[in-house]
N, C-alpha and C. Protein backbone atom coordinates (compact mmCIF):
# COMPACT_ATOMS: atom_id res chain seq x y z
N MET A 1 0.94 -1.23 -0.18
CA MET A 1 0.24 -0.14 -0.05
C MET A 1 0.85 1.51 0.14
N LYS A 2 0.61 1.47 -1.10
CA LYS A 2 1.10 3.04 -1.07
C LYS A 2 0.61 4.30 0.17
N ILE A 3 1.76 4.72 0.63
CA ILE A 3 1.27 5.63 1.29
C ILE A 3 1.82 7.17 0.82
N GLU A 4 0.72 7.81 1.03
CA GLU A 4 1.15 9.01 0.22
C GLU A 4 2.25 9.82 1.11
N PRO A 5 2.66 10.53 0.26
CA PRO A 5 4.23 11.79 0.97
C PRO A 5 4.19 12.50 2.20
N ILE A 6 2.72 13.38 1.70
CA ILE A 6 3.29 13.99 2.78
C ILE A 6 1.99 13.62 4.57
N GLN A 7 1.64 12.04 4.59
CA GLN A 7 1.51 11.44 5.36
C GLN A 7 2.92 10.63 5.78
N LEU A 8 3.95 10.11 5.10
CA LEU A 8 4.67 9.95 5.21
C LEU A 8 6.07 10.89 6.31
N ILE A 9 6.00 11.53 5.58
CA ILE A 9 6.31 13.61 6.19
C ILE A 9 6.28 12.95 7.93
N LYS A 10 5.26 13.95 7.74
CA LYS A 10 3.94 13.31 9.43
C LYS A 10 4.78 12.49 10.12
N ASN A 11 4.63 11.66 9.53
CA ASN A 11 4.72 10.16 10.61
C ASN A 11 6.12 9.64 11.06
N ASN A 12 7.19 10.48 9.51
CA ASN A 12 8.48 10.67 10.05
C ASN A 12 8.90 11.88 11.05
N HIS A 13 8.00 12.78 10.48
CA HIS A 13 8.30 13.84 12.34
C HIS A 13 9.42 15.22 11.41
N LEU A 14 8.76 15.16 9.94
CA LEU A 14 9.79 16.16 9.80
C LEU A 14 8.45 16.82 8.97
N LYS A 15 9.42 18.50 9.08
CA LYS A 15 8.47 19.61 8.86
C LYS A 15 8.14 20.07 6.76
N ASN A 16 7.29 19.03 6.86
CA ASN A 16 6.39 19.69 5.19
C ASN A 16 6.00 20.21 4.85
N THR A 17 7.35 20.44 3.64
CA THR A 17 7.43 21.68 2.95
C THR A 17 7.18 20.65 1.44
N ALA A 18 7.16 21.87 0.71
CA ALA A 18 7.18 21.95 -1.33
C ALA A 18 7.83 20.72 -1.71
N ALA A 19 9.29 20.91 -0.94
CA ALA A 19 10.16 20.34 -1.81
C ALA A 19 10.08 19.10 -1.30
N ARG A 20 10.27 18.66 0.14
CA ARG A 20 10.33 17.70 0.34
C ARG A 20 9.59 16.36 -0.48
N VAL A 21 7.61 16.95 -0.13
CA VAL A 21 6.43 16.30 -1.00
C VAL A 21 6.59 16.15 -1.86
N ALA A 22 8.00 17.09 -3.15
CA ALA A 22 8.03 17.03 -4.35
C ALA A 22 8.92 15.17 -4.44
N ILE A 23 9.86 15.70 -4.06
CA ILE A 23 10.91 15.03 -3.87
C ILE A 23 10.53 13.18 -3.59
N LEU A 24 9.61 13.52 -2.27
CA LEU A 24 9.21 11.71 -2.56
C LEU A 24 8.13 10.80 -3.23
N GLU A 25 6.88 12.59 -4.07
CA GLU A 25 6.15 12.17 -5.14
C GLU A 25 6.78 11.83 -6.22
N PHE A 26 8.52 11.83 -6.56
CA PHE A 26 9.52 12.14 -8.20
C PHE A 26 9.65 10.36 -7.44
N LEU A 27 10.36 9.42 -5.85
CA LEU A 27 10.48 8.68 -5.94
C LEU A 27 9.77 7.87 -5.79
N GLN A 28 8.95 7.87 -4.77
CA GLN A 28 7.37 7.23 -5.38
C GLN A 28 7.51 6.64 -6.57
N LYS A 29 7.10 7.54 -7.48
CA LYS A 29 7.41 7.06 -9.12
C LYS A 29 8.11 6.37 -10.46
N ASN A 30 9.50 5.97 -9.49
CA ASN A 30 10.55 5.59 -10.21
C ASN A 30 10.85 4.82 -9.77
N SER A 31 11.07 3.46 -10.76
CA SER A 31 11.42 2.37 -10.00
C SER A 31 12.41 1.56 -10.65
N GLU A 32 13.73 2.95 -10.89
CA GLU A 32 15.08 2.85 -10.81
C GLU A 32 15.21 3.45 -9.75
N PRO A 33 17.05 3.59 -9.08
CA PRO A 33 16.88 4.75 -8.17
C PRO A 33 17.35 6.09 -9.30
N VAL A 34 17.85 7.49 -8.20
CA VAL A 34 17.67 8.12 -8.80
C VAL A 34 18.58 8.81 -8.68
N ASP A 35 19.12 10.46 -9.73
CA ASP A 35 20.87 10.58 -9.14
C ASP A 35 20.59 12.40 -8.59
N VAL A 36 20.48 13.41 -7.74
CA VAL A 36 20.32 14.59 -7.92
C VAL A 36 19.99 15.67 -8.86
N LEU A 37 20.50 14.98 -9.99
CA LEU A 37 19.98 16.17 -11.24
C LEU A 37 18.41 15.42 -11.81
N GLU A 38 18.26 14.49 -11.12
CA GLU A 38 16.98 13.87 -11.98
C GLU A 38 16.19 14.32 -10.94
N ILE A 39 16.65 14.63 -9.27
CA ILE A 39 15.04 14.88 -9.12
C ILE A 39 15.69 16.86 -9.64
N MET A 40 15.83 17.81 -9.78
CA MET A 40 16.52 19.02 -9.22
C MET A 40 15.70 18.69 -10.86
N ASN A 41 16.00 17.94 -11.85
CA ASN A 41 15.08 17.79 -12.80
C ASN A 41 13.30 18.33 -12.82
N TYR A 42 13.31 17.37 -12.12
CA TYR A 42 11.87 16.84 -11.24
C TYR A 42 11.70 18.36 -10.79
N LEU A 43 11.95 19.11 -10.42
CA LEU A 43 11.76 20.22 -8.88
C LEU A 43 11.24 20.69 -10.53
N LYS A 44 12.38 22.01 -11.29
CA LYS A 44 12.25 22.45 -12.05
C LYS A 44 10.52 22.19 -12.84
N LYS A 45 10.36 21.28 -13.49
CA LYS A 45 9.12 20.72 -14.18
C LYS A 45 8.17 20.62 -13.46
N LYS A 46 8.89 21.00 -12.35
CA LYS A 46 6.82 21.22 -11.49
C LYS A 46 7.15 22.44 -11.29
N ASP A 47 7.96 23.78 -10.86
CA ASP A 47 8.26 25.13 -11.06
C ASP A 47 8.96 25.07 -9.11
N LEU A 48 8.83 24.44 -8.58
CA LEU A 48 9.44 24.71 -8.16
C LEU A 48 11.13 25.05 -8.10
N LYS A 49 11.20 25.91 -7.22
CA LYS A 49 12.01 26.74 -7.24
C LYS A 49 13.08 26.35 -5.87
N THR A 50 13.91 25.88 -6.30
CA THR A 50 15.14 25.68 -5.11
C THR A 50 16.36 25.20 -5.30
N ASN A 51 17.49 24.89 -5.03
CA ASN A 51 18.41 24.21 -5.49
C ASN A 51 18.77 23.37 -4.82
N LEU A 52 20.49 22.78 -5.10
CA LEU A 52 21.13 21.78 -5.11
C LEU A 52 21.41 21.65 -3.44
N THR A 53 21.49 23.03 -2.74
CA THR A 53 21.93 21.94 -1.43
C THR A 53 20.76 21.77 -1.02
N THR A 54 19.61 22.95 -1.02
CA THR A 54 18.07 22.25 -0.04
C THR A 54 18.14 21.18 -0.34
N VAL A 55 18.05 19.94 -2.08
CA VAL A 55 17.51 18.81 -2.45
C VAL A 55 19.01 18.46 -1.53
N TYR A 56 19.61 18.19 -2.10
CA TYR A 56 20.97 17.41 -0.64
C TYR A 56 20.79 16.88 1.25
N ARG A 57 20.05 18.26 1.30
CA ARG A 57 19.55 18.86 2.70
C ARG A 57 17.67 17.28 2.78
N VAL A 58 17.35 18.25 2.21
CA VAL A 58 16.00 17.00 2.28
C VAL A 58 16.60 15.88 2.15
N LEU A 59 17.52 15.35 1.05
CA LEU A 59 17.92 13.73 1.13
C LEU A 59 18.76 13.50 2.44
N ASP A 60 19.10 14.52 3.42
CA ASP A 60 20.32 13.69 4.08
C ASP A 60 19.02 13.95 5.86
N SER A 61 17.38 14.36 5.18
CA SER A 61 16.73 14.55 6.35
C SER A 61 16.20 12.73 6.30
N PHE A 62 15.79 12.59 5.17
CA PHE A 62 15.49 10.89 4.62
C PHE A 62 16.38 9.95 5.07
N LEU A 63 17.27 10.00 4.53
CA LEU A 63 17.86 8.90 5.58
C LEU A 63 18.59 8.86 7.07
N THR A 64 18.37 9.99 7.20
CA THR A 64 18.18 10.37 8.69
C THR A 64 17.33 9.19 9.32
N VAL A 65 15.88 9.56 8.64
CA VAL A 65 15.21 9.04 9.15
C VAL A 65 14.81 7.55 8.96
N GLY A 66 15.75 7.43 7.67
CA GLY A 66 14.87 6.01 7.63
C GLY A 66 14.49 5.64 6.50
N LEU A 67 14.00 7.12 5.03
CA LEU A 67 12.72 6.85 4.21
C LEU A 67 13.40 6.63 3.04
N VAL A 68 14.92 7.37 3.18
CA VAL A 68 15.96 6.96 1.52
C VAL A 68 17.03 5.93 2.33
N LYS A 69 17.46 5.16 0.58
CA LYS A 69 18.39 4.07 0.84
C LYS A 69 19.77 5.11 -0.61
N LYS A 70 21.18 5.07 -0.01
CA LYS A 70 21.33 5.71 -0.60
C LYS A 70 22.43 5.02 -1.11
N LEU A 71 22.50 4.83 -2.26
CA LEU A 71 24.09 3.70 -2.98
C LEU A 71 24.77 4.11 -4.31
N GLU A 72 25.44 3.77 -4.49
CA GLU A 72 27.11 4.18 -4.87
C GLU A 72 27.13 2.72 -5.41
N LEU A 73 27.04 3.06 -6.67
CA LEU A 73 26.61 2.26 -7.92
C LEU A 73 28.22 2.20 -8.58
N HIS A 74 28.88 3.23 -8.50
CA HIS A 74 30.81 3.04 -9.18
C HIS A 74 30.51 3.85 -10.14
N GLU A 75 29.21 4.77 -10.03
CA GLU A 75 29.96 6.28 -11.57
C GLU A 75 29.73 7.38 -10.95
N GLY A 76 30.41 7.27 -9.98
CA GLY A 76 31.32 8.82 -8.77
C GLY A 76 29.98 9.57 -8.97
N LYS A 77 29.23 8.89 -8.40
CA LYS A 77 27.92 9.98 -7.72
C LYS A 77 26.90 9.22 -7.12
N TYR A 78 25.89 9.31 -6.24
CA TYR A 78 24.83 8.86 -5.67
C TYR A 78 23.92 8.87 -6.62
N ARG A 79 22.53 7.25 -6.16
CA ARG A 79 21.63 7.64 -6.51
C ARG A 79 20.62 7.34 -4.69
N TYR A 80 19.58 7.61 -5.13
CA TYR A 80 18.92 7.26 -3.87
C TYR A 80 17.43 6.04 -3.60
N GLU A 81 16.87 6.07 -3.55
CA GLU A 81 15.19 4.50 -3.73
C GLU A 81 14.58 4.81 -2.77
N LEU A 82 13.78 4.32 -2.32
CA LEU A 82 12.45 4.88 -1.07
C LEU A 82 13.18 3.27 -0.57
N SER A 83 13.26 3.35 0.77
CA SER A 83 13.73 2.26 1.68
C SER A 83 12.37 1.35 2.38
N SER A 84 11.11 2.10 1.68
CA SER A 84 10.26 0.95 1.74
C SER A 84 10.58 -0.21 0.49
N LEU A 85 11.40 -0.16 -0.52
CA LEU A 85 10.26 -1.09 -1.18
C LEU A 85 11.46 -2.31 -0.75
N LYS A 86 10.26 -3.02 -1.05
CA LYS A 86 10.87 -4.98 -1.04
C LYS A 86 12.08 -4.95 -1.27
N HIS A 87 13.18 -4.89 -1.07
CA HIS A 87 14.81 -6.31 -0.50
C HIS A 87 14.92 -6.65 -2.31
N HIS A 88 16.22 -5.87 -2.96
CA HIS A 88 16.14 -6.65 -4.27
C HIS A 88 17.71 -5.54 -4.56
N HIS A 89 17.69 -6.28 -5.24
CA HIS A 89 19.82 -6.21 -5.87
C HIS A 89 19.40 -5.53 -7.50
N HIS A 90 20.96 -4.57 -8.04
CA HIS A 90 20.10 -3.77 -9.44
C HIS A 90 20.86 -5.28 -10.50
N LEU A 91 20.41 -4.10 -11.62
CA LEU A 91 21.37 -4.70 -12.87
C LEU A 91 22.62 -3.92 -13.45
N VAL A 92 23.39 -3.14 -13.76
CA VAL A 92 23.91 -1.85 -13.79
C VAL A 92 24.18 -2.20 -15.22
N CYS A 93 24.42 -1.89 -16.11
CA CYS A 93 24.89 -1.90 -17.06
C CYS A 93 25.91 -0.45 -17.61
N GLN A 94 26.92 -1.04 -18.13
CA GLN A 94 28.03 0.16 -18.08
C GLN A 94 28.42 0.24 -19.22
N ASN A 95 27.24 0.29 -19.78
CA ASN A 95 28.17 0.49 -21.17
C ASN A 95 26.57 2.29 -21.52
N CYS A 96 25.25 1.94 -21.05
CA CYS A 96 24.13 2.57 -21.42
C CYS A 96 23.11 3.72 -19.93
N GLY A 97 24.02 2.94 -18.72
CA GLY A 97 23.74 3.22 -17.33
C GLY A 97 22.46 2.30 -16.84
N LYS A 98 21.97 1.72 -17.39
CA LYS A 98 19.83 1.52 -17.58
C LYS A 98 21.02 0.42 -16.28
N ILE A 99 19.80 0.90 -15.11
CA ILE A 99 19.95 -0.18 -13.81
C ILE A 99 18.32 -0.56 -13.71
N GLU A 100 18.11 -1.79 -12.95
CA GLU A 100 17.62 -2.91 -13.33
C GLU A 100 16.94 -3.72 -12.00
N ASP A 101 15.84 -3.86 -11.24
CA ASP A 101 15.90 -3.82 -10.18
C ASP A 101 16.03 -5.37 -10.26
N ILE A 102 16.72 -6.52 -9.38
CA ILE A 102 15.34 -7.79 -9.76
C ILE A 102 15.55 -8.41 -7.72
N GLU A 103 14.96 -8.74 -7.98
CA GLU A 103 14.79 -9.59 -6.32
C GLU A 103 15.16 -10.77 -6.41
N ASN A 104 14.17 -11.51 -5.64
CA ASN A 104 14.03 -13.04 -4.86
C ASN A 104 15.90 -12.94 -4.43
N CYS A 105 16.23 -12.62 -3.46
CA CYS A 105 17.50 -12.33 -2.83
C CYS A 105 17.91 -13.77 -1.86
N SER A 106 18.61 -14.65 -2.63
CA SER A 106 19.12 -15.88 -1.53
C SER A 106 20.33 -15.82 -1.13
N LEU A 107 20.30 -14.97 -0.58
CA LEU A 107 21.35 -14.52 0.73
C LEU A 107 21.20 -15.03 1.90
N GLU A 108 19.95 -14.45 2.31
CA GLU A 108 19.98 -14.47 3.62
C GLU A 108 20.25 -15.79 4.17
N THR A 109 19.91 -16.90 3.11
CA THR A 109 20.75 -18.39 3.55
C THR A 109 21.86 -17.86 4.22
N LEU A 110 23.04 -17.48 3.09
CA LEU A 110 25.03 -16.87 3.53
C LEU A 110 24.74 -16.03 4.91
N GLU A 111 23.54 -15.12 4.48
CA GLU A 111 23.56 -14.64 5.82
C GLU A 111 23.98 -15.22 7.35
N GLU A 112 22.54 -15.83 7.06
CA GLU A 112 22.55 -17.08 8.24
C GLU A 112 24.28 -18.17 8.88
N LYS A 113 24.81 -18.52 7.14
CA LYS A 113 25.75 -19.38 7.94
C LYS A 113 26.83 -18.60 8.44
N ILE A 114 27.52 -17.29 7.62
CA ILE A 114 28.02 -17.09 7.78
C ILE A 114 28.30 -16.45 9.77
N THR A 115 26.51 -15.43 9.44
CA THR A 115 26.92 -15.38 11.43
C THR A 115 27.05 -16.77 12.67
N LYS A 116 26.72 -17.57 11.83
CA LYS A 116 27.22 -18.54 12.86
C LYS A 116 28.17 -18.89 12.75
N ARG A 117 29.47 -18.54 11.77
CA ARG A 117 30.50 -19.14 12.09
C ARG A 117 31.69 -18.04 12.28
N SER A 118 31.08 -17.02 11.72
CA SER A 118 32.57 -15.66 11.94
C SER A 118 31.98 -15.55 13.70
N GLU A 119 30.40 -15.54 13.58
CA GLU A 119 29.44 -14.38 15.15
C GLU A 119 29.44 -13.21 15.32
N PHE A 120 29.20 -12.34 13.52
CA PHE A 120 29.53 -11.73 13.10
C PHE A 120 27.65 -11.03 12.35
N LEU A 121 27.45 -9.95 13.05
CA LEU A 121 25.84 -9.82 13.43
C LEU A 121 25.59 -8.83 12.02
N ILE A 122 24.97 -9.38 10.84
CA ILE A 122 25.00 -8.64 10.18
C ILE A 122 23.63 -7.58 10.26
N LYS A 123 23.76 -6.49 9.53
CA LYS A 123 22.69 -5.85 9.43
C LYS A 123 21.51 -5.78 8.35
N HIS A 124 22.04 -5.37 7.36
CA HIS A 124 22.01 -5.18 6.58
C HIS A 124 23.28 -6.19 4.79
N HIS A 125 23.08 -6.16 3.99
CA HIS A 125 23.85 -6.00 2.23
C HIS A 125 23.49 -5.63 1.31
N SER A 126 24.96 -5.30 -0.06
CA SER A 126 23.96 -5.03 -0.83
C SER A 126 24.77 -5.46 -1.79
N LEU A 127 24.23 -6.27 -2.75
CA LEU A 127 24.19 -6.90 -4.20
C LEU A 127 24.25 -5.63 -5.61
N GLU A 128 25.19 -5.46 -6.62
CA GLU A 128 25.17 -5.21 -7.71
C GLU A 128 25.61 -5.89 -9.04
N PHE A 129 25.47 -6.58 -9.42
CA PHE A 129 25.55 -7.45 -10.87
C PHE A 129 26.19 -6.02 -11.97
N TYR A 130 27.38 -5.72 -12.16
CA TYR A 130 27.20 -4.44 -13.77
C TYR A 130 27.80 -5.47 -15.52
N GLY A 131 27.42 -5.20 -16.27
CA GLY A 131 27.58 -5.60 -16.99
C GLY A 131 26.93 -5.20 -18.38
N LEU A 132 25.89 -5.75 -19.83
CA LEU A 132 26.33 -5.04 -20.22
C LEU A 132 24.36 -5.44 -20.85
N CYS A 133 23.10 -4.82 -20.80
CA CYS A 133 22.40 -5.11 -20.72
C CYS A 133 21.90 -5.68 -22.24
N LYS A 134 20.36 -6.15 -22.36
CA LYS A 134 20.23 -7.02 -23.60
C LYS A 134 20.34 -6.19 -25.23
N ASP A 135 19.92 -4.55 -24.72
CA ASP A 135 19.89 -3.49 -25.80
C ASP A 135 21.72 -3.62 -26.26
N CYS A 136 22.15 -3.12 -25.01
CA CYS A 136 23.67 -2.92 -25.71
C CYS A 136 24.48 -4.08 -26.12
N ARG A 137 24.12 -5.37 -25.52
CA ARG A 137 25.18 -6.10 -26.51
C ARG A 137 24.43 -6.60 -28.10
N LYS A 138 23.39 -6.11 -28.08
CA LYS A 138 23.24 -5.99 -29.82
C LYS A 138 23.98 -5.36 -30.66
């Protein structure tokens, strides 16, 4: 069930601002992780006058309360996605930059084995696969 951006902001005790609402709307609309420039372009299209510093501050506040995850996909920039998404990993095309989600993570079993063997408490993991998408392979 999708929760409206304003309610998410209220639930996380954040100040309700037009930029926060619009950024959450954009994140909810996108199925793949987005970068700050994509967010800025969306805000401009919505005629929201904001700057890069504000966007970074909003994203930091979302990170602090756990609304978003910050991803580094070896592009020299960070990408962001909602943390409420079902656990998944990414396929990253090294040619065109396309990012595709893959689900059905079978690493939980491996995590359990690692925890038993090493007594290391794993809080989370991430896994990305890099290569060429089907369009770039043609």
